Amino acid sequence: MAGVKLIVMYPRPKDVEAFEKAYQDEHVPMAVEKLAGKTKFIATKVVGSPQGEPAFHRIAEIHFPSMQALEACAASAGGQETLAHANSISSGGPPVVMVAEEETFNF
């Protein structure tokens, strides 16, 4: 089975400095501590786009070994708290949240 991940895309915040402080000091530690069952957490900061201003400032990918593990995490108190915190720090609008299957091709 392909890997499963939760993707959270944050729109460009109204105050980038305040968002980055909350993201680094509060949100990332919360995600590391409270998202049970994860196997990997990738935090990407978007620095530009050839099409102009990027639509998103940050993209988080939280990997899980199975869809059941992702669903259990999302339903847990820690998962709910972390998702609510993601919404609370996203000053540029609500984050876009997606569930995806991933295939990896190594070259």
PDB file of N, CA and C in Angstrom:
ATOM      1  N   MET A   1       0.839  -1.187   0.000  1.00  0.00           N
ATOM      2  CA  MET A   1       0.000   0.000   0.000  1.00  0.00           C
ATOM      3  C   MET A   1       0.882   1.248   0.000  1.00  0.00           C
ATOM      4  N   ALA A   2       0.423   2.272  -0.655  1.00  0.00           N
ATOM      5  CA  ALA A   2       1.131   3.547  -0.681  1.00  0.00           C
ATOM      6  C   ALA A   2       1.142   4.155   0.711  1.00  0.00           C
ATOM      7  N   GLY A   3       2.116   5.015   0.955  1.00  0.00           N
ATOM      8  CA  GLY A   3       2.158   5.734   2.220  1.00  0.00           C
ATOM      9  C   GLY A   3       0.968   6.671   2.335  1.00  0.00           C
ATOM     10  N   VAL A   4       0.612   7.018   3.552  1.00  0.00           N
ATOM     11  CA  VAL A   4      -0.529   7.895   3.809  1.00  0.00           C
ATOM     12  C   VAL A   4      -0.019   9.107   4.583  1.00  0.00           C
ATOM     13  N   LYS A   5      -0.542  10.280   4.207  1.00  0.00           N
ATOM     14  CA  LYS A   5      -0.125  11.479   4.934  1.00  0.00           C
ATOM     15  C   LYS A   5      -1.248  12.488   5.020  1.00  0.00           C
ATOM     16  N   LEU A   6      -1.154  13.303   6.060  1.00  0.00           N
ATOM     17  CA  LEU A   6      -2.028  14.445   6.248  1.00  0.00           C
ATOM     18  C   LEU A   6      -1.225  15.655   5.782  1.00  0.00           C
ATOM     19  N   ILE A   7      -1.805  16.459   4.903  1.00  0.00           N
ATOM     20  CA  ILE A   7      -1.136  17.652   4.383  1.00  0.00           C
ATOM     21  C   ILE A   7      -1.904  18.871   4.883  1.00  0.00           C
ATOM     22  N   VAL A   8      -1.170  19.826   5.460  1.00  0.00           N
ATOM     23  CA  VAL A   8      -1.773  21.068   5.946  1.00  0.00           C
ATOM     24  C   VAL A   8      -1.046  22.217   5.247  1.00  0.00           C
ATOM     25  N   MET A   9      -1.797  23.005   4.468  1.00  0.00           N
ATOM     26  CA  MET A   9      -1.216  24.110   3.712  1.00  0.00           C
ATOM     27  C   MET A   9      -1.739  25.431   4.291  1.00  0.00           C
ATOM     28  N   TYR A  10      -0.809  26.240   4.770  1.00  0.00           N
ATOM     29  CA  TYR A  10      -1.147  27.511   5.407  1.00  0.00           C
ATOM     30  C   TYR A  10      -1.050  28.654   4.406  1.00  0.00           C
ATOM     31  N   PRO A  11      -2.136  29.421   4.209  1.00  0.00           N
ATOM     32  CA  PRO A  11      -2.057  30.607   3.352  1.00  0.00           C
ATOM     33  C   PRO A  11      -1.052  31.611   3.924  1.00  0.00           C
ATOM     34  N   ARG A  12      -0.585  32.495   3.067  1.00  0.00           N
ATOM     35  CA  ARG A  12       0.355  33.529   3.522  1.00  0.00           C
ATOM     36  C   ARG A  12      -0.280  34.308   4.681  1.00  0.00           C
ATOM     37  N   PRO A  13       0.400  34.332   5.843  1.00  0.00           N
ATOM     38  CA  PRO A  13      -0.172  35.003   7.016  1.00  0.00           C
ATOM     39  C   PRO A  13      -0.144  36.522   6.881  1.00  0.00           C
ATOM     40  N   LYS A  14      -1.027  37.165   7.627  1.00  0.00           N
ATOM     41  CA  LYS A  14      -1.048  38.627   7.659  1.00  0.00           C
ATOM     42  C   LYS A  14       0.241  39.168   8.261  1.00  0.00           C
ATOM     43  N   ASP A  15       0.750  38.498   9.295  1.00  0.00           N
ATOM     44  CA  ASP A  15       1.997  38.884   9.953  1.00  0.00           C
ATOM     45  C   ASP A  15       2.913  37.656   9.937  1.00  0.00           C
ATOM     46  N   VAL A  16       3.855  37.633   8.992  1.00  0.00           N
ATOM     47  CA  VAL A  16       4.720  36.468   8.806  1.00  0.00           C
ATOM     48  C   VAL A  16       5.549  36.193  10.057  1.00  0.00           C
ATOM     49  N   GLU A  17       6.106  37.233  10.669  1.00  0.00           N
ATOM     50  CA  GLU A  17       6.927  37.050  11.865  1.00  0.00           C
ATOM     51  C   GLU A  17       6.143  36.422  13.015  1.00  0.00           C
ATOM     52  N   ALA A  18       4.939  36.920  13.261  1.00  0.00           N
ATOM     53  CA  ALA A  18       4.105  36.376  14.343  1.00  0.00           C
ATOM     54  C   ALA A  18       3.719  34.930  14.044  1.00  0.00           C
ATOM     55  N   PHE A  19       3.374  34.650  12.790  1.00  0.00           N
ATOM     56  CA  PHE A  19       3.031  33.269  12.416  1.00  0.00           C
ATOM     57  C   PHE A  19       4.223  32.346  12.633  1.00  0.00           C
ATOM     58  N   GLU A  20       5.390  32.739  12.147  1.00  0.00           N
ATOM     59  CA  GLU A  20       6.579  31.894  12.271  1.00  0.00           C
ATOM     60  C   GLU A  20       6.914  31.617  13.735  1.00  0.00           C
ATOM     61  N   LYS A  21       6.775  32.622  14.575  1.00  0.00           N
ATOM     62  CA  LYS A  21       7.039  32.430  16.014  1.00  0.00           C
ATOM     63  C   LYS A  21       6.066  31.410  16.598  1.00  0.00           C
ATOM     64  N   ALA A  22       4.774  31.565  16.314  1.00  0.00           N
ATOM     65  CA  ALA A  22       3.770  30.626  16.828  1.00  0.00           C
ATOM     66  C   ALA A  22       3.979  29.229  16.236  1.00  0.00           C
ATOM     67  N   TYR A  23       4.308  29.170  14.961  1.00  0.00           N
ATOM     68  CA  TYR A  23       4.506  27.877  14.294  1.00  0.00           C
ATOM     69  C   TYR A  23       5.701  27.137  14.892  1.00  0.00           C
ATOM     70  N   GLN A  24       6.840  27.834  15.006  1.00  0.00           N
ATOM     71  CA  GLN A  24       8.064  27.194  15.502  1.00  0.00           C
ATOM     72  C   GLN A  24       8.027  26.919  17.006  1.00  0.00           C
ATOM     73  N   ASP A  25       7.526  27.882  17.776  1.00  0.00           N
ATOM     74  CA  ASP A  25       7.595  27.768  19.236  1.00  0.00           C
ATOM     75  C   ASP A  25       6.432  26.989  19.854  1.00  0.00           C
ATOM     76  N   GLU A  26       5.274  26.993  19.182  1.00  0.00           N
ATOM     77  CA  GLU A  26       4.093  26.340  19.744  1.00  0.00           C
ATOM     78  C   GLU A  26       3.640  25.137  18.919  1.00  0.00           C
ATOM     79  N   HIS A  27       3.433  25.375  17.624  1.00  0.00           N
ATOM     80  CA  HIS A  27       2.756  24.358  16.820  1.00  0.00           C
ATOM     81  C   HIS A  27       3.619  23.133  16.528  1.00  0.00           C
ATOM     82  N   VAL A  28       4.848  23.347  16.087  1.00  0.00           N
ATOM     83  CA  VAL A  28       5.708  22.197  15.783  1.00  0.00           C
ATOM     84  C   VAL A  28       5.922  21.331  17.027  1.00  0.00           C
ATOM     85  N   PRO A  29       6.271  21.903  18.187  1.00  0.00           N
ATOM     86  CA  PRO A  29       6.407  21.039  19.375  1.00  0.00           C
ATOM     87  C   PRO A  29       5.112  20.295  19.718  1.00  0.00           C
ATOM     88  N   MET A  30       3.967  20.967  19.545  1.00  0.00           N
ATOM     89  CA  MET A  30       2.679  20.319  19.813  1.00  0.00           C
ATOM     90  C   MET A  30       2.477  19.135  18.866  1.00  0.00           C
ATOM     91  N   ALA A  31       2.747  19.348  17.580  1.00  0.00           N
ATOM     92  CA  ALA A  31       2.573  18.271  16.599  1.00  0.00           C
ATOM     93  C   ALA A  31       3.493  17.096  16.901  1.00  0.00           C
ATOM     94  N   VAL A  32       4.737  17.391  17.251  1.00  0.00           N
ATOM     95  CA  VAL A  32       5.692  16.328  17.570  1.00  0.00           C
ATOM     96  C   VAL A  32       5.219  15.529  18.773  1.00  0.00           C
ATOM     97  N   GLU A  33       4.714  16.218  19.790  1.00  0.00           N
ATOM     98  CA  GLU A  33       4.294  15.553  21.024  1.00  0.00           C
ATOM     99  C   GLU A  33       2.942  14.846  20.899  1.00  0.00           C
ATOM    100  N   LYS A  34       1.968  15.473  20.234  1.00  0.00           N
ATOM    101  CA  LYS A  34       0.581  15.013  20.362  1.00  0.00           C
ATOM    102  C   LYS A  34       0.010  14.244  19.174  1.00  0.00           C
ATOM    103  N   LEU A  35       0.706  14.205  18.051  1.00  0.00           N
ATOM    104  CA  LEU A  35       0.175  13.463  16.895  1.00  0.00           C
ATOM    105  C   LEU A  35       0.656  12.017  16.971  1.00  0.00           C
ATOM    106  N   ALA A  36      -0.115  11.204  17.651  1.00  0.00           N
ATOM    107  CA  ALA A  36       0.255   9.809  17.895  1.00  0.00           C
ATOM    108  C   ALA A  36       0.232   9.001  16.611  1.00  0.00           C
ATOM    109  N   GLY A  37       1.198   8.112  16.470  1.00  0.00           N
ATOM    110  CA  GLY A  37       1.222   7.186  15.343  1.00  0.00           C
ATOM    111  C   GLY A  37       1.951   7.704  14.121  1.00  0.00           C
ATOM    112  N   LYS A  38       2.391   8.963  14.136  1.00  0.00           N
ATOM    113  CA  LYS A  38       3.093   9.506  12.963  1.00  0.00           C
ATOM    114  C   LYS A  38       4.439   8.812  12.809  1.00  0.00           C
ATOM    115  N   THR A  39       4.920   8.750  11.572  1.00  0.00           N
ATOM    116  CA  THR A  39       6.237   8.186  11.312  1.00  0.00           C
ATOM    117  C   THR A  39       7.219   9.242  10.826  1.00  0.00           C
ATOM    118  N   LYS A  40       6.692  10.363  10.335  1.00  0.00           N
ATOM    119  CA  LYS A  40       7.555  11.433   9.837  1.00  0.00           C
ATOM    120  C   LYS A  40       6.743  12.713   9.773  1.00  0.00           C
ATOM    121  N   PHE A  41       7.401  13.831  10.044  1.00  0.00           N
ATOM    122  CA  PHE A  41       6.778  15.148   9.962  1.00  0.00           C
ATOM    123  C   PHE A  41       7.705  16.041   9.145  1.00  0.00           C
ATOM    124  N   ILE A  42       7.203  16.560   8.036  1.00  0.00           N
ATOM    125  CA  ILE A  42       7.979  17.445   7.172  1.00  0.00           C
ATOM    126  C   ILE A  42       7.334  18.822   7.207  1.00  0.00           C
ATOM    127  N   ALA A  43       8.113  19.829   7.596  1.00  0.00           N
ATOM    128  CA  ALA A  43       7.625  21.207   7.653  1.00  0.00           C
ATOM    129  C   ALA A  43       8.348  22.005   6.568  1.00  0.00           C
ATOM    130  N   THR A  44       7.614  22.407   5.548  1.00  0.00           N
ATOM    131  CA  THR A  44       8.183  23.122   4.408  1.00  0.00           C
ATOM    132  C   THR A  44       7.787  24.588   4.472  1.00  0.00           C
ATOM    133  N   LYS A  45       8.769  25.466   4.272  1.00  0.00           N
ATOM    134  CA  LYS A  45       8.506  26.894   4.173  1.00  0.00           C
ATOM    135  C   LYS A  45       8.641  27.276   2.705  1.00  0.00           C
ATOM    136  N   VAL A  46       7.574  27.799   2.125  1.00  0.00           N
ATOM    137  CA  VAL A  46       7.562  28.183   0.711  1.00  0.00           C
ATOM    138  C   VAL A  46       8.268  29.535   0.595  1.00  0.00           C
ATOM    139  N   VAL A  47       9.305  29.615  -0.246  1.00  0.00           N
ATOM    140  CA  VAL A  47      10.093  30.840  -0.353  1.00  0.00           C
ATOM    141  C   VAL A  47       9.859  31.600  -1.656  1.00  0.00           C
ATOM    142  N   GLY A  48       9.147  31.014  -2.592  1.00  0.00           N
ATOM    143  CA  GLY A  48       8.879  31.718  -3.835  1.00  0.00           C
ATOM    144  C   GLY A  48       8.147  30.836  -4.825  1.00  0.00           C
ATOM    145  N   SER A  49       7.744  31.454  -5.929  1.00  0.00           N
ATOM    146  CA  SER A  49       7.060  30.755  -7.007  1.00  0.00           C
ATOM    147  C   SER A  49       7.351  31.482  -8.319  1.00  0.00           C
ATOM    148  N   PRO A  50       7.570  30.751  -9.407  1.00  0.00           N
ATOM    149  CA  PRO A  50       7.768  31.421 -10.690  1.00  0.00           C
ATOM    150  C   PRO A  50       6.515  32.163 -11.165  1.00  0.00           C
ATOM    151  N   GLN A  51       5.366  31.874 -10.552  1.00  0.00           N
ATOM    152  CA  GLN A  51       4.114  32.538 -10.925  1.00  0.00           C
ATOM    153  C   GLN A  51       3.833  33.781 -10.080  1.00  0.00           C
ATOM    154  N   GLY A  52       4.786  34.205  -9.258  1.00  0.00           N
ATOM    155  CA  GLY A  52       4.578  35.378  -8.416  1.00  0.00           C
ATOM    156  C   GLY A  52       4.423  34.999  -6.960  1.00  0.00           C
ATOM    157  N   GLU A  53       3.592  35.737  -6.254  1.00  0.00           N
ATOM    158  CA  GLU A  53       3.362  35.502  -4.826  1.00  0.00           C
ATOM    159  C   GLU A  53       2.784  34.104  -4.607  1.00  0.00           C
ATOM    160  N   PRO A  54       3.456  33.257  -3.813  1.00  0.00           N
ATOM    161  CA  PRO A  54       2.922  31.915  -3.562  1.00  0.00           C
ATOM    162  C   PRO A  54       1.605  31.974  -2.790  1.00  0.00           C
ATOM    163  N   ALA A  55       0.720  31.065  -3.101  1.00  0.00           N
ATOM    164  CA  ALA A  55      -0.580  31.005  -2.415  1.00  0.00           C
ATOM    165  C   ALA A  55      -0.429  30.509  -0.978  1.00  0.00           C
ATOM    166  N   PHE A  56       0.636  29.742  -0.719  1.00  0.00           N
ATOM    167  CA  PHE A  56       0.826  29.154   0.607  1.00  0.00           C
ATOM    168  C   PHE A  56       2.188  29.536   1.167  1.00  0.00           C
ATOM    169  N   HIS A  57       2.236  29.709   2.477  1.00  0.00           N
ATOM    170  CA  HIS A  57       3.466  30.093   3.171  1.00  0.00           C
ATOM    171  C   HIS A  57       4.169  28.860   3.753  1.00  0.00           C
ATOM    172  N   ARG A  58       3.397  27.940   4.280  1.00  0.00           N
ATOM    173  CA  ARG A  58       3.932  26.716   4.873  1.00  0.00           C
ATOM    174  C   ARG A  58       3.100  25.530   4.409  1.00  0.00           C
ATOM    175  N   ILE A  59       3.770  24.395   4.260  1.00  0.00           N
ATOM    176  CA  ILE A  59       3.096  23.136   3.948  1.00  0.00           C
ATOM    177  C   ILE A  59       3.658  22.091   4.906  1.00  0.00           C
ATOM    178  N   ALA A  60       2.787  21.498   5.692  1.00  0.00           N
ATOM    179  CA  ALA A  60       3.191  20.448   6.630  1.00  0.00           C
ATOM    180  C   ALA A  60       2.691  19.115   6.100  1.00  0.00           C
ATOM    181  N   GLU A  61       3.543  18.104   6.178  1.00  0.00           N
ATOM    182  CA  GLU A  61       3.170  16.743   5.796  1.00  0.00           C
ATOM    183  C   GLU A  61       3.443  15.833   6.982  1.00  0.00           C
ATOM    184  N   ILE A  62       2.399  15.173   7.468  1.00  0.00           N
ATOM    185  CA  ILE A  62       2.529  14.259   8.590  1.00  0.00           C
ATOM    186  C   ILE A  62       2.228  12.861   8.061  1.00  0.00           C
ATOM    187  N   HIS A  63       3.240  12.009   8.089  1.00  0.00           N
ATOM    188  CA  HIS A  63       3.149  10.667   7.505  1.00  0.00           C
ATOM    189  C   HIS A  63       2.709   9.646   8.552  1.00  0.00           C
ATOM    190  N   PHE A  64       1.931   8.667   8.073  1.00  0.00           N
ATOM    191  CA  PHE A  64       1.421   7.589   8.926  1.00  0.00           C
ATOM    192  C   PHE A  64       1.602   6.255   8.210  1.00  0.00           C
ATOM    193  N   PRO A  65       1.706   5.155   8.968  1.00  0.00           N
ATOM    194  CA  PRO A  65       1.905   3.850   8.338  1.00  0.00           C
ATOM    195  C   PRO A  65       0.658   3.303   7.651  1.00  0.00           C
ATOM    196  N   SER A  66      -0.523   3.830   8.002  1.00  0.00           N
ATOM    197  CA  SER A  66      -1.770   3.334   7.410  1.00  0.00           C
ATOM    198  C   SER A  66      -2.859   4.392   7.545  1.00  0.00           C
ATOM    199  N   MET A  67      -3.911   4.223   6.775  1.00  0.00           N
ATOM    200  CA  MET A  67      -5.060   5.122   6.873  1.00  0.00           C
ATOM    201  C   MET A  67      -5.696   5.007   8.254  1.00  0.00           C
ATOM    202  N   GLN A  68      -5.716   3.800   8.814  1.00  0.00           N
ATOM    203  CA  GLN A  68      -6.286   3.606  10.149  1.00  0.00           C
ATOM    204  C   GLN A  68      -5.505   4.402  11.197  1.00  0.00           C
ATOM    205  N   ALA A  69      -4.185   4.433  11.075  1.00  0.00           N
ATOM    206  CA  ALA A  69      -3.365   5.189  12.029  1.00  0.00           C
ATOM    207  C   ALA A  69      -3.631   6.687  11.895  1.00  0.00           C
ATOM    208  N   LEU A  70      -3.760   7.177  10.664  1.00  0.00           N
ATOM    209  CA  LEU A  70      -4.071   8.592  10.451  1.00  0.00           C
ATOM    210  C   LEU A  70      -5.440   8.929  11.032  1.00  0.00           C
ATOM    211  N   GLU A  71      -6.426   8.094  10.765  1.00  0.00           N
ATOM    212  CA  GLU A  71      -7.779   8.346  11.274  1.00  0.00           C
ATOM    213  C   GLU A  71      -7.817   8.317  12.796  1.00  0.00           C
ATOM    214  N   ALA A  72      -7.086   7.388  13.403  1.00  0.00           N
ATOM    215  CA  ALA A  72      -7.042   7.306  14.862  1.00  0.00           C
ATOM    216  C   ALA A  72      -6.396   8.564  15.448  1.00  0.00           C
ATOM    217  N   CYS A  73      -5.344   9.032  14.816  1.00  0.00           N
ATOM    218  CA  CYS A  73      -4.687  10.253  15.275  1.00  0.00           C
ATOM    219  C   CYS A  73      -5.628  11.447  15.155  1.00  0.00           C
ATOM    220  N   ALA A  74      -6.286  11.585  14.008  1.00  0.00           N
ATOM    221  CA  ALA A  74      -7.187  12.719  13.777  1.00  0.00           C
ATOM    222  C   ALA A  74      -8.353  12.719  14.764  1.00  0.00           C
ATOM    223  N   ALA A  75      -8.790  11.543  15.196  1.00  0.00           N
ATOM    224  CA  ALA A  75      -9.911  11.440  16.122  1.00  0.00           C
ATOM    225  C   ALA A  75      -9.489  11.597  17.582  1.00  0.00           C
ATOM    226  N   SER A  76      -8.192  11.527  17.857  1.00  0.00           N
ATOM    227  CA  SER A  76      -7.705  11.588  19.236  1.00  0.00           C
ATOM    228  C   SER A  76      -7.758  13.013  19.773  1.00  0.00           C
ATOM    229  N   ALA A  77      -7.702  13.132  21.099  1.00  0.00           N
ATOM    230  CA  ALA A  77      -7.689  14.454  21.731  1.00  0.00           C
ATOM    231  C   ALA A  77      -6.477  15.264  21.264  1.00  0.00           C
ATOM    232  N   GLY A  78      -5.308  14.632  21.175  1.00  0.00           N
ATOM    233  CA  GLY A  78      -4.103  15.320  20.716  1.00  0.00           C
ATOM    234  C   GLY A  78      -4.209  15.768  19.269  1.00  0.00           C
ATOM    235  N   GLY A  79      -4.807  14.930  18.437  1.00  0.00           N
ATOM    236  CA  GLY A  79      -5.009  15.290  17.030  1.00  0.00           C
ATOM    237  C   GLY A  79      -5.973  16.458  16.889  1.00  0.00           C
ATOM    238  N   GLN A  80      -7.067  16.417  17.633  1.00  0.00           N
ATOM    239  CA  GLN A  80      -8.050  17.499  17.590  1.00  0.00           C
ATOM    240  C   GLN A  80      -7.451  18.809  18.102  1.00  0.00           C
ATOM    241  N   GLU A  81      -6.684  18.735  19.179  1.00  0.00           N
ATOM    242  CA  GLU A  81      -6.054  19.930  19.738  1.00  0.00           C
ATOM    243  C   GLU A  81      -5.052  20.541  18.746  1.00  0.00           C
ATOM    244  N   THR A  82      -4.270  19.691  18.096  1.00  0.00           N
ATOM    245  CA  THR A  82      -3.263  20.174  17.152  1.00  0.00           C
ATOM    246  C   THR A  82      -3.914  20.789  15.922  1.00  0.00           C
ATOM    247  N   LEU A  83      -4.977  20.168  15.402  1.00  0.00           N
ATOM    248  CA  LEU A  83      -5.685  20.744  14.249  1.00  0.00           C
ATOM    249  C   LEU A  83      -6.356  22.070  14.617  1.00  0.00           C
ATOM    250  N   ALA A  84      -6.912  22.158  15.814  1.00  0.00           N
ATOM    251  CA  ALA A  84      -7.522  23.418  16.256  1.00  0.00           C
ATOM    252  C   ALA A  84      -6.460  24.503  16.382  1.00  0.00           C
ATOM    253  N   HIS A  85      -5.287  24.139  16.872  1.00  0.00           N
ATOM    254  CA  HIS A  85      -4.198  25.114  16.988  1.00  0.00           C
ATOM    255  C   HIS A  85      -3.743  25.577  15.600  1.00  0.00           C
ATOM    256  N   ALA A  86      -3.684  24.661  14.637  1.00  0.00           N
ATOM    257  CA  ALA A  86      -3.328  25.038  13.265  1.00  0.00           C
ATOM    258  C   ALA A  86      -4.286  26.105  12.750  1.00  0.00           C
ATOM    259  N   ASN A  87      -5.563  25.929  12.999  1.00  0.00           N
ATOM    260  CA  ASN A  87      -6.557  26.922  12.583  1.00  0.00           C
ATOM    261  C   ASN A  87      -6.353  28.247  13.303  1.00  0.00           C
ATOM    262  N   SER A  88      -6.026  28.195  14.583  1.00  0.00           N
ATOM    263  CA  SER A  88      -5.925  29.419  15.373  1.00  0.00           C
ATOM    264  C   SER A  88      -4.728  30.281  14.992  1.00  0.00           C
ATOM    265  N   ILE A  89      -3.648  29.690  14.484  1.00  0.00           N
ATOM    266  CA  ILE A  89      -2.465  30.490  14.128  1.00  0.00           C
ATOM    267  C   ILE A  89      -2.460  30.917  12.664  1.00  0.00           C
ATOM    268  N   SER A  90      -3.389  30.420  11.866  1.00  0.00           N
ATOM    269  CA  SER A  90      -3.405  30.694  10.429  1.00  0.00           C
ATOM    270  C   SER A  90      -4.139  32.003  10.145  1.00  0.00           C
ATOM    271  N   SER A  91      -3.412  33.113  10.247  1.00  0.00           N
ATOM    272  CA  SER A  91      -4.026  34.442  10.127  1.00  0.00           C
ATOM    273  C   SER A  91      -4.358  34.848   8.691  1.00  0.00           C
ATOM    274  N   GLY A  92      -3.883  34.109   7.703  1.00  0.00           N
ATOM    275  CA  GLY A  92      -4.172  34.438   6.312  1.00  0.00           C
ATOM    276  C   GLY A  92      -5.396  33.739   5.770  1.00  0.00           C
ATOM    277  N   GLY A  93      -6.142  33.078   6.644  1.00  0.00           N
ATOM    278  CA  GLY A  93      -7.306  32.285   6.265  1.00  0.00           C
ATOM    279  C   GLY A  93      -7.118  30.881   6.789  1.00  0.00           C
ATOM    280  N   PRO A  94      -8.167  30.079   6.737  1.00  0.00           N
ATOM    281  CA  PRO A  94      -8.037  28.723   7.276  1.00  0.00           C
ATOM    282  C   PRO A  94      -7.059  27.893   6.453  1.00  0.00           C
ATOM    283  N   PRO A  95      -6.299  27.028   7.116  1.00  0.00           N
ATOM    284  CA  PRO A  95      -5.400  26.167   6.356  1.00  0.00           C
ATOM    285  C   PRO A  95      -6.197  25.155   5.531  1.00  0.00           C
ATOM    286  N   VAL A  96      -5.623  24.753   4.423  1.00  0.00           N
ATOM    287  CA  VAL A  96      -6.206  23.702   3.594  1.00  0.00           C
ATOM    288  C   VAL A  96      -5.668  22.375   4.127  1.00  0.00           C
ATOM    289  N   VAL A  97      -6.563  21.446   4.453  1.00  0.00           N
ATOM    290  CA  VAL A  97      -6.175  20.150   5.009  1.00  0.00           C
ATOM    291  C   VAL A  97      -6.604  19.057   4.041  1.00  0.00           C
ATOM    292  N   MET A  98      -5.664  18.178   3.706  1.00  0.00           N
ATOM    293  CA  MET A  98      -5.945  17.080   2.773  1.00  0.00           C
ATOM    294  C   MET A  98      -5.346  15.783   3.310  1.00  0.00           C
ATOM    295  N   VAL A  99      -5.946  14.676   2.919  1.00  0.00           N
ATOM    296  CA  VAL A  99      -5.415  13.353   3.199  1.00  0.00           C
ATOM    297  C   VAL A  99      -4.986  12.782   1.855  1.00  0.00           C
ATOM    298  N   ALA A 100      -3.777  12.202   1.804  1.00  0.00           N
ATOM    299  CA  ALA A 100      -3.244  11.731   0.522  1.00  0.00           C
ATOM    300  C   ALA A 100      -2.534  10.395   0.682  1.00  0.00           C
ATOM    301  N   GLU A 101      -2.535   9.636  -0.391  1.00  0.00           N
ATOM    302  CA  GLU A 101      -1.691   8.455  -0.502  1.00  0.00           C
ATOM    303  C   GLU A 101      -0.463   8.864  -1.299  1.00  0.00           C
ATOM    304  N   GLU A 102       0.672   8.326  -0.940  1.00  0.00           N
ATOM    305  CA  GLU A 102       1.927   8.737  -1.572  1.00  0.00           C
ATOM    306  C   GLU A 102       2.660   7.540  -2.130  1.00  0.00           C
ATOM    307  N   GLU A 103       3.175   7.691  -3.332  1.00  0.00           N
ATOM    308  CA  GLU A 103       4.070   6.707  -3.921  1.00  0.00           C
ATOM    309  C   GLU A 103       5.433   7.371  -4.053  1.00  0.00           C
ATOM    310  N   THR A 104       6.483   6.648  -3.734  1.00  0.00           N
ATOM    311  CA  THR A 104       7.829   7.200  -3.820  1.00  0.00           C
ATOM    312  C   THR A 104       8.583   6.494  -4.921  1.00  0.00           C
ATOM    313  N   PHE A 105       9.266   7.290  -5.751  1.00  0.00           N
ATOM    314  CA  PHE A 105      10.104   6.783  -6.822  1.00  0.00           C
ATOM    315  C   PHE A 105      11.526   7.285  -6.545  1.00  0.00           C
ATOM    316  N   ASN A 106      12.454   6.386  -6.332  1.00  0.00           N
ATOM    317  CA  ASN A 106      13.839   6.756  -6.065  1.00  0.00           C
ATOM    318  C   ASN A 106      14.678   6.567  -7.319  1.00  0.00           C
ATOM    319  N   PHE A 107      15.557   7.494  -7.573  1.00  0.00           N
ATOM    320  CA  PHE A 107      16.405   7.435  -8.776  1.00  0.00           C
ATOM    321  C   PHE A 107      17.869   7.443  -8.387  1.00  0.00           C
TER     322      PHE A 107
END
